[in-house]
Structures are given as structure tokens and as C-alpha cells.
Amino acid sequence: MPSSEDAISRLRRLCLALPEVTERLSHGEPTWFVQGKKTFVTMSDHHHDDRVAVWCAAPPGAQEVLVGADPKRFFRPKYVGHRGWLGIYLDVPQDWDQIADLVRDAYREVAPRRLVAKLVA
């Protein structure tokens, strides 16, 4: 399992590799924004409970499928879970290739179409 700092570093690399993404603290946690405005991924390092996790935007239905399939790795986060956001525990073994896919999906959910098109190009 990566440490909290390792997880932040991995997420930072994944998020900042996407077009027009910036990072800044929000609610005391590293958070990644599209065009400096729309949040698509945020850390949750013991902020809301005693777990290290990440919250990310998710396509419709993804939260239900992933939480239902593996509740030890995924959860419905407070405050944004009702909007379909996905919580990913980082204090358990994770598949970082899957997390990379989920970060790209989160980006696609909030980024303008012209930026999403850059992912395909």
C-alpha cells in the first residue's frame, strides 16, 4: 500500500498529465481542477474520517457498480456521493491502472468537449 504522500504523488502525476489541469488546496486537501474552475479529483486524507481516500467525478452508474462490486476499495463519498461521485480508498491495495482510468473518466465528466477531444487525439 502506498503511503499518503506516495498516493498524492501518483494522483498528481495522473491528474496533471491531463490538458489544462491545475492543482491547489481545497478544504485543506490537494484538489485538481479543469481550467482552474471545475473540480474533478480531490484527496481525502483523514479529513472526513480515519481513512486515506480520493474522491472523483464518475460517469452515471459507475459509483453503484464499483461500490457494489468491491466495497473494500470503493465507497460513496460524503457531500458529493449523491451526485454520483466515487470514493476510492487508498489505504488498501489498489489497481493503479484502474485508478488512472477512473481519473480520466472523472476528467471527461467535467472538462469541456474541446479538452476531452485532446485525450483522443
N, C-alpha and C. Protein backbone atom coordinates (compact mmCIF):
# COMPACT_ATOMS: atom_id res chain seq x y z
N MET A 1 0.84 -1.18 0.00
CA MET A 1 0.00 0.00 0.00
C MET A 1 0.89 1.24 0.00
N PRO A 2 0.57 2.20 -0.86
CA PRO A 2 1.37 3.42 -0.85
C PRO A 2 1.04 4.25 0.38
N SER A 3 2.04 5.03 0.81
CA SER A 3 1.78 5.97 1.89
C SER A 3 0.89 7.08 1.36
N SER A 4 0.42 7.90 2.25
CA SER A 4 -0.42 9.03 1.86
C SER A 4 0.34 9.93 0.86
N GLU A 5 1.62 10.17 1.14
CA GLU A 5 2.43 11.01 0.24
C GLU A 5 2.64 10.34 -1.11
N ASP A 6 2.87 9.02 -1.12
CA ASP A 6 3.01 8.29 -2.38
C ASP A 6 1.73 8.39 -3.20
N ALA A 7 0.59 8.23 -2.52
CA ALA A 7 -0.70 8.30 -3.22
C ALA A 7 -0.90 9.68 -3.82
N ILE A 8 -0.59 10.72 -3.07
CA ILE A 8 -0.73 12.09 -3.59
C ILE A 8 0.18 12.28 -4.80
N SER A 9 1.40 11.79 -4.72
CA SER A 9 2.33 11.93 -5.85
C SER A 9 1.82 11.21 -7.09
N ARG A 10 1.30 10.01 -6.90
CA ARG A 10 0.76 9.26 -8.04
C ARG A 10 -0.45 9.98 -8.64
N LEU A 11 -1.35 10.44 -7.78
CA LEU A 11 -2.52 11.16 -8.28
C LEU A 11 -2.11 12.44 -8.99
N ARG A 12 -1.15 13.14 -8.41
CA ARG A 12 -0.67 14.38 -9.02
C ARG A 12 -0.18 14.13 -10.45
N ARG A 13 0.62 13.07 -10.62
CA ARG A 13 1.13 12.75 -11.96
C ARG A 13 -0.02 12.44 -12.93
N LEU A 14 -0.98 11.64 -12.45
CA LEU A 14 -2.11 11.28 -13.31
C LEU A 14 -2.93 12.50 -13.71
N CYS A 15 -3.25 13.33 -12.74
CA CYS A 15 -4.12 14.48 -12.98
C CYS A 15 -3.43 15.56 -13.82
N LEU A 16 -2.19 15.89 -13.45
CA LEU A 16 -1.51 16.99 -14.14
C LEU A 16 -1.09 16.62 -15.56
N ALA A 17 -1.17 15.35 -15.92
CA ALA A 17 -0.89 14.93 -17.30
C ALA A 17 -2.04 15.26 -18.24
N LEU A 18 -3.19 15.62 -17.69
CA LEU A 18 -4.37 15.91 -18.50
C LEU A 18 -4.39 17.39 -18.91
N PRO A 19 -5.01 17.69 -20.05
CA PRO A 19 -5.00 19.06 -20.57
C PRO A 19 -5.64 20.09 -19.62
N GLU A 20 -4.91 21.19 -19.42
CA GLU A 20 -5.39 22.36 -18.67
C GLU A 20 -5.85 22.05 -17.26
N VAL A 21 -5.10 21.18 -16.59
CA VAL A 21 -5.40 20.83 -15.20
C VAL A 21 -4.46 21.60 -14.28
N THR A 22 -5.02 22.12 -13.19
CA THR A 22 -4.24 22.78 -12.16
C THR A 22 -4.53 22.12 -10.82
N GLU A 23 -3.64 22.36 -9.88
CA GLU A 23 -3.80 21.82 -8.53
C GLU A 23 -3.72 22.95 -7.53
N ARG A 24 -4.57 22.88 -6.52
CA ARG A 24 -4.48 23.77 -5.37
C ARG A 24 -5.21 23.11 -4.21
N LEU A 25 -4.97 23.63 -3.03
CA LEU A 25 -5.66 23.10 -1.86
C LEU A 25 -7.11 23.57 -1.86
N SER A 26 -7.98 22.67 -1.50
CA SER A 26 -9.40 22.98 -1.30
C SER A 26 -9.84 22.20 -0.08
N HIS A 27 -10.38 22.90 0.88
CA HIS A 27 -10.76 22.28 2.15
C HIS A 27 -9.56 21.55 2.79
N GLY A 28 -8.38 22.11 2.59
CA GLY A 28 -7.17 21.57 3.18
C GLY A 28 -6.58 20.36 2.49
N GLU A 29 -7.13 19.97 1.35
CA GLU A 29 -6.67 18.77 0.64
C GLU A 29 -6.22 19.13 -0.77
N PRO A 30 -5.20 18.42 -1.30
CA PRO A 30 -4.84 18.61 -2.71
C PRO A 30 -6.05 18.29 -3.58
N THR A 31 -6.34 19.19 -4.51
CA THR A 31 -7.51 19.05 -5.38
C THR A 31 -7.11 19.47 -6.78
N TRP A 32 -7.66 18.77 -7.78
CA TRP A 32 -7.31 19.04 -9.17
C TRP A 32 -8.53 19.58 -9.90
N PHE A 33 -8.26 20.62 -10.70
CA PHE A 33 -9.30 21.40 -11.37
C PHE A 33 -9.04 21.43 -12.87
N VAL A 34 -10.11 21.43 -13.65
CA VAL A 34 -10.03 21.66 -15.09
C VAL A 34 -10.17 23.15 -15.31
N GLN A 35 -9.21 23.74 -16.00
CA GLN A 35 -9.17 25.17 -16.29
C GLN A 35 -9.26 26.01 -15.01
N GLY A 36 -8.77 25.49 -13.92
CA GLY A 36 -8.75 26.22 -12.67
C GLY A 36 -10.10 26.43 -12.03
N LYS A 37 -11.15 25.81 -12.58
CA LYS A 37 -12.51 26.07 -12.11
C LYS A 37 -13.24 24.85 -11.57
N LYS A 38 -13.30 23.80 -12.35
CA LYS A 38 -14.15 22.65 -12.02
C LYS A 38 -13.32 21.52 -11.42
N THR A 39 -13.68 21.14 -10.21
CA THR A 39 -13.02 20.03 -9.53
C THR A 39 -13.39 18.72 -10.20
N PHE A 40 -12.36 17.85 -10.39
CA PHE A 40 -12.68 16.51 -10.88
C PHE A 40 -12.08 15.42 -10.00
N VAL A 41 -11.06 15.75 -9.19
CA VAL A 41 -10.46 14.81 -8.25
C VAL A 41 -10.01 15.57 -7.01
N THR A 42 -10.25 15.01 -5.83
CA THR A 42 -9.75 15.60 -4.59
C THR A 42 -9.32 14.50 -3.62
N MET A 43 -8.26 14.77 -2.90
CA MET A 43 -7.81 13.85 -1.86
C MET A 43 -8.72 13.97 -0.66
N SER A 44 -8.77 12.91 0.11
CA SER A 44 -9.46 12.91 1.40
C SER A 44 -8.55 12.17 2.36
N ASP A 45 -7.58 12.88 2.91
CA ASP A 45 -6.57 12.29 3.78
C ASP A 45 -6.94 12.54 5.23
N HIS A 46 -7.80 11.67 5.75
CA HIS A 46 -8.26 11.75 7.14
C HIS A 46 -9.10 13.00 7.41
N HIS A 47 -9.55 13.67 6.38
CA HIS A 47 -10.33 14.90 6.56
C HIS A 47 -11.74 14.62 7.09
N HIS A 48 -12.35 13.56 6.60
CA HIS A 48 -13.73 13.26 6.97
C HIS A 48 -13.86 12.02 7.85
N ASP A 49 -12.80 11.22 7.92
CA ASP A 49 -12.80 10.03 8.76
C ASP A 49 -11.35 9.62 8.96
N ASP A 50 -11.10 8.39 9.33
CA ASP A 50 -9.73 7.96 9.59
C ASP A 50 -9.11 7.23 8.41
N ARG A 51 -9.67 7.40 7.21
CA ARG A 51 -9.20 6.70 6.01
C ARG A 51 -8.51 7.68 5.05
N VAL A 52 -7.57 7.15 4.28
CA VAL A 52 -6.95 7.89 3.19
C VAL A 52 -7.69 7.48 1.92
N ALA A 53 -8.20 8.47 1.20
CA ALA A 53 -9.01 8.17 0.02
C ALA A 53 -8.90 9.31 -0.99
N VAL A 54 -9.50 9.08 -2.12
CA VAL A 54 -9.65 10.10 -3.14
C VAL A 54 -11.11 10.08 -3.57
N TRP A 55 -11.63 11.25 -3.87
CA TRP A 55 -12.99 11.38 -4.40
C TRP A 55 -12.87 11.87 -5.83
N CYS A 56 -13.66 11.32 -6.74
CA CYS A 56 -13.60 11.78 -8.13
C CYS A 56 -14.98 11.74 -8.78
N ALA A 57 -15.15 12.64 -9.72
CA ALA A 57 -16.36 12.62 -10.53
C ALA A 57 -16.41 11.26 -11.24
N ALA A 58 -17.59 10.78 -11.53
CA ALA A 58 -17.72 9.47 -12.18
C ALA A 58 -18.89 9.49 -13.15
N PRO A 59 -18.80 8.69 -14.20
CA PRO A 59 -19.91 8.60 -15.15
C PRO A 59 -21.15 8.03 -14.46
N PRO A 60 -22.33 8.32 -14.99
CA PRO A 60 -23.56 7.78 -14.40
C PRO A 60 -23.49 6.26 -14.24
N GLY A 61 -23.85 5.79 -13.05
CA GLY A 61 -23.90 4.37 -12.77
C GLY A 61 -22.60 3.75 -12.30
N ALA A 62 -21.47 4.42 -12.51
CA ALA A 62 -20.17 3.84 -12.14
C ALA A 62 -20.05 3.65 -10.63
N GLN A 63 -20.51 4.63 -9.87
CA GLN A 63 -20.42 4.53 -8.42
C GLN A 63 -21.12 3.27 -7.92
N GLU A 64 -22.34 3.06 -8.37
CA GLU A 64 -23.12 1.92 -7.91
C GLU A 64 -22.45 0.60 -8.27
N VAL A 65 -21.94 0.51 -9.49
CA VAL A 65 -21.31 -0.73 -9.95
C VAL A 65 -20.05 -1.02 -9.14
N LEU A 66 -19.17 -0.03 -9.00
CA LEU A 66 -17.90 -0.26 -8.33
C LEU A 66 -18.06 -0.49 -6.83
N VAL A 67 -18.90 0.31 -6.18
CA VAL A 67 -19.13 0.13 -4.75
C VAL A 67 -19.79 -1.23 -4.50
N GLY A 68 -20.75 -1.59 -5.35
CA GLY A 68 -21.42 -2.88 -5.21
C GLY A 68 -20.48 -4.06 -5.42
N ALA A 69 -19.54 -3.91 -6.34
CA ALA A 69 -18.62 -4.99 -6.66
C ALA A 69 -17.49 -5.13 -5.64
N ASP A 70 -17.04 -4.01 -5.06
CA ASP A 70 -15.87 -4.08 -4.18
C ASP A 70 -15.91 -2.96 -3.13
N PRO A 71 -16.77 -3.09 -2.11
CA PRO A 71 -16.90 -2.03 -1.10
C PRO A 71 -15.67 -1.87 -0.20
N LYS A 72 -14.71 -2.77 -0.29
CA LYS A 72 -13.47 -2.58 0.47
C LYS A 72 -12.55 -1.59 -0.24
N ARG A 73 -12.76 -1.38 -1.53
CA ARG A 73 -11.93 -0.46 -2.30
C ARG A 73 -12.66 0.82 -2.69
N PHE A 74 -13.99 0.76 -2.81
CA PHE A 74 -14.76 1.90 -3.30
C PHE A 74 -15.89 2.23 -2.34
N PHE A 75 -16.31 3.51 -2.33
CA PHE A 75 -17.39 3.94 -1.46
C PHE A 75 -18.09 5.17 -2.03
N ARG A 76 -19.23 5.47 -1.44
CA ARG A 76 -19.99 6.67 -1.81
C ARG A 76 -19.55 7.80 -0.87
N PRO A 77 -18.84 8.81 -1.39
CA PRO A 77 -18.32 9.85 -0.51
C PRO A 77 -19.39 10.80 0.02
N LYS A 78 -19.11 11.35 1.20
CA LYS A 78 -20.00 12.35 1.79
C LYS A 78 -20.05 13.57 0.87
N TYR A 79 -21.11 14.31 0.96
CA TYR A 79 -21.31 15.60 0.30
C TYR A 79 -21.49 15.51 -1.21
N VAL A 80 -20.74 14.67 -1.91
CA VAL A 80 -20.81 14.61 -3.37
C VAL A 80 -21.28 13.25 -3.90
N GLY A 81 -21.41 12.29 -3.01
CA GLY A 81 -21.84 10.95 -3.43
C GLY A 81 -23.21 10.95 -4.06
N HIS A 82 -24.09 11.81 -3.59
CA HIS A 82 -25.44 11.87 -4.16
C HIS A 82 -25.42 12.36 -5.61
N ARG A 83 -24.30 12.96 -6.03
CA ARG A 83 -24.16 13.42 -7.42
C ARG A 83 -23.43 12.40 -8.28
N GLY A 84 -23.19 11.20 -7.71
CA GLY A 84 -22.57 10.13 -8.47
C GLY A 84 -21.06 10.04 -8.32
N TRP A 85 -20.47 10.93 -7.52
CA TRP A 85 -19.02 10.87 -7.34
C TRP A 85 -18.63 9.55 -6.68
N LEU A 86 -17.41 9.12 -6.94
CA LEU A 86 -16.89 7.85 -6.46
C LEU A 86 -15.78 8.10 -5.44
N GLY A 87 -15.81 7.37 -4.35
CA GLY A 87 -14.71 7.38 -3.39
C GLY A 87 -13.86 6.15 -3.58
N ILE A 88 -12.54 6.34 -3.51
CA ILE A 88 -11.59 5.24 -3.68
C ILE A 88 -10.67 5.23 -2.47
N TYR A 89 -10.73 4.16 -1.68
CA TYR A 89 -9.83 4.04 -0.54
C TYR A 89 -8.40 3.81 -1.03
N LEU A 90 -7.46 4.53 -0.46
CA LEU A 90 -6.06 4.37 -0.84
C LEU A 90 -5.24 3.69 0.25
N ASP A 91 -5.90 3.32 1.35
CA ASP A 91 -5.19 2.63 2.43
C ASP A 91 -5.40 1.11 2.36
N VAL A 92 -5.81 0.65 1.19
CA VAL A 92 -5.92 -0.78 0.87
C VAL A 92 -5.22 -0.99 -0.47
N PRO A 93 -4.82 -2.22 -0.80
CA PRO A 93 -4.20 -2.44 -2.10
C PRO A 93 -5.15 -2.00 -3.23
N GLN A 94 -4.59 -1.29 -4.19
CA GLN A 94 -5.37 -0.78 -5.30
C GLN A 94 -4.70 -1.11 -6.63
N ASP A 95 -5.49 -1.11 -7.67
CA ASP A 95 -5.02 -1.29 -9.03
C ASP A 95 -4.83 0.12 -9.61
N TRP A 96 -3.58 0.58 -9.68
CA TRP A 96 -3.34 1.96 -10.12
C TRP A 96 -3.62 2.17 -11.61
N ASP A 97 -3.63 1.12 -12.39
CA ASP A 97 -4.07 1.26 -13.78
C ASP A 97 -5.57 1.58 -13.81
N GLN A 98 -6.34 0.93 -12.95
CA GLN A 98 -7.77 1.22 -12.86
C GLN A 98 -7.98 2.65 -12.33
N ILE A 99 -7.20 3.05 -11.35
CA ILE A 99 -7.32 4.42 -10.83
C ILE A 99 -7.01 5.42 -11.93
N ALA A 100 -6.00 5.15 -12.75
CA ALA A 100 -5.69 6.04 -13.88
C ALA A 100 -6.89 6.17 -14.81
N ASP A 101 -7.56 5.05 -15.08
CA ASP A 101 -8.76 5.08 -15.93
C ASP A 101 -9.87 5.90 -15.25
N LEU A 102 -10.03 5.73 -13.94
CA LEU A 102 -11.07 6.47 -13.22
C LEU A 102 -10.78 7.97 -13.18
N VAL A 103 -9.51 8.34 -13.10
CA VAL A 103 -9.13 9.76 -13.15
C VAL A 103 -9.46 10.33 -14.52
N ARG A 104 -9.16 9.61 -15.58
CA ARG A 104 -9.51 10.08 -16.93
C ARG A 104 -11.02 10.18 -17.10
N ASP A 105 -11.76 9.21 -16.55
CA ASP A 105 -13.22 9.28 -16.61
C ASP A 105 -13.73 10.51 -15.86
N ALA A 106 -13.14 10.80 -14.70
CA ALA A 106 -13.54 11.98 -13.93
C ALA A 106 -13.30 13.25 -14.74
N TYR A 107 -12.16 13.31 -15.39
CA TYR A 107 -11.83 14.46 -16.23
C TYR A 107 -12.88 14.63 -17.34
N ARG A 108 -13.21 13.52 -17.99
CA ARG A 108 -14.21 13.56 -19.07
C ARG A 108 -15.57 14.07 -18.58
N GLU A 109 -15.88 13.80 -17.32
CA GLU A 109 -17.17 14.23 -16.77
C GLU A 109 -17.27 15.74 -16.61
N VAL A 110 -16.16 16.43 -16.37
CA VAL A 110 -16.25 17.86 -16.08
C VAL A 110 -15.58 18.76 -17.13
N ALA A 111 -14.69 18.22 -17.93
CA ALA A 111 -13.96 19.03 -18.91
C ALA A 111 -14.84 19.39 -20.11
N PRO A 112 -14.59 20.56 -20.69
CA PRO A 112 -15.29 20.91 -21.94
C PRO A 112 -14.93 19.92 -23.05
N ARG A 113 -15.83 19.78 -24.00
CA ARG A 113 -15.64 18.80 -25.09
C ARG A 113 -14.33 19.01 -25.84
N ARG A 114 -13.94 20.27 -26.03
CA ARG A 114 -12.70 20.53 -26.79
C ARG A 114 -11.48 19.96 -26.07
N LEU A 115 -11.51 19.95 -24.73
CA LEU A 115 -10.39 19.38 -23.97
C LEU A 115 -10.47 17.86 -23.96
N VAL A 116 -11.67 17.32 -23.84
CA VAL A 116 -11.85 15.87 -23.88
C VAL A 116 -11.36 15.34 -25.23
N ALA A 117 -11.60 16.09 -26.30
CA ALA A 117 -11.15 15.67 -27.63
C ALA A 117 -9.63 15.54 -27.69
N LYS A 118 -8.91 16.31 -26.89
CA LYS A 118 -7.44 16.22 -26.85
C LYS A 118 -6.98 14.88 -26.29
N LEU A 119 -7.81 14.24 -25.46
CA LEU A 119 -7.45 12.94 -24.91
C LEU A 119 -7.42 11.87 -25.98
N VAL A 120 -8.31 12.01 -26.94
CA VAL A 120 -8.43 11.03 -28.03
C VAL A 120 -7.36 11.27 -29.08
N ALA A 121 -7.00 12.55 -29.27
CA ALA A 121 -6.05 12.92 -30.34
C ALA A 121 -4.66 12.38 -30.09
